[in-house]
């Protein structure tokens, strides 16, 4: 699957809601993050009476032939808990017996280190399959990501150890299930389901604070911003938004749960689909005027950039120190050239679809 042309779209989905303006952990909207495409562990979801999803499903139509092959990739973020620890008795060598104290923030020579939830990108690919084989023997592909612990020593300019950053990843496991239902005229209905089967002890706490702790713990074992990329060789996907008239009823019968598939890539190409937790049109595009990610596709770049410029120095320092991606947003915004600001102010464009409809109306 050649995803070079659609990486920008897929990454926009992947990081939507990752960190919102004002890009500081102290803001209310950043204390409970990641609202799109979260697959919690099954046991956690069931304890919440199913209000939090543990699986997602996409169904779409494929025009197939004897040599058609299908591939699927599941992409998501895995959270990394970053905690900050202060050494009570700074030493020149890594302390074996020193006492570390957990602190919200630690300042070292003017740089502030803070506890936070980072994220790493993950991708799980299924083996390439023939739709005929999927119709007779559905494929279940298991995946597992191990737990991981890392520490980063923090030293001052004198070389003295003053603290450390501890990063923790929890283990995650799940399955990708794929099947196909053949139909007339070489059209098959493809189904792909993703399940989070990670073991998780929900506990019996019912207090609000305990629920939040439980949610945070559940998120550490979740597939965050999960979406599916589908590719086909020697075949074509059928748009579910604008299917041919003879396939409209079959397209309407496709059941998509938690995600929706759209065609992506060059206009008119039908070899790649993105099943996204955010509803998109076929062939979505990133505005060429956009200078970079802001993690909020529902907002206007100019407004967000102007708001960033109004932040106080203390607010910018908090934004700069909390997350590498937030720091890049700040640095990019503060160095935008005037011609880029002019482009952000507004652009009028007509899509080929609009022109086609206008021509039809005239005729």
Foldseek 3Di string as FASTA:
>chain_A
DDCPQPPVVLVLLQLQFVAAPVLFCVDPSNVDTFPADKAFAPVQCVVVVNPHHFKWKFKFKKQADPPKKKKKKKKFKAKKWKWKWWFPDWALDPDPPTDIDTDQWDDAPNAIAGTDIDIDMDMDMDPIGDQVVQAVPKDKAKDKDAKDKDKAFDAHPVNITTIIMIIIAHMWMWIKIWHWAADPNRMIMIMIMIGTNDDDDQDDDDDPVSVVVSVVVRSSHIGGSIKMKMFMDRIFTAALVDGPPVCVVVSVPIDTGQWYWAAEDPPPGGGMIITGSDDDYHHDDDPPLDPDDNSHPVDQNLVSLVVNVPDDPVSLSSQCNHDVVSVVVSVCSVPPDPVSSVSSVDDDDDDPVNVVVVVVVVD
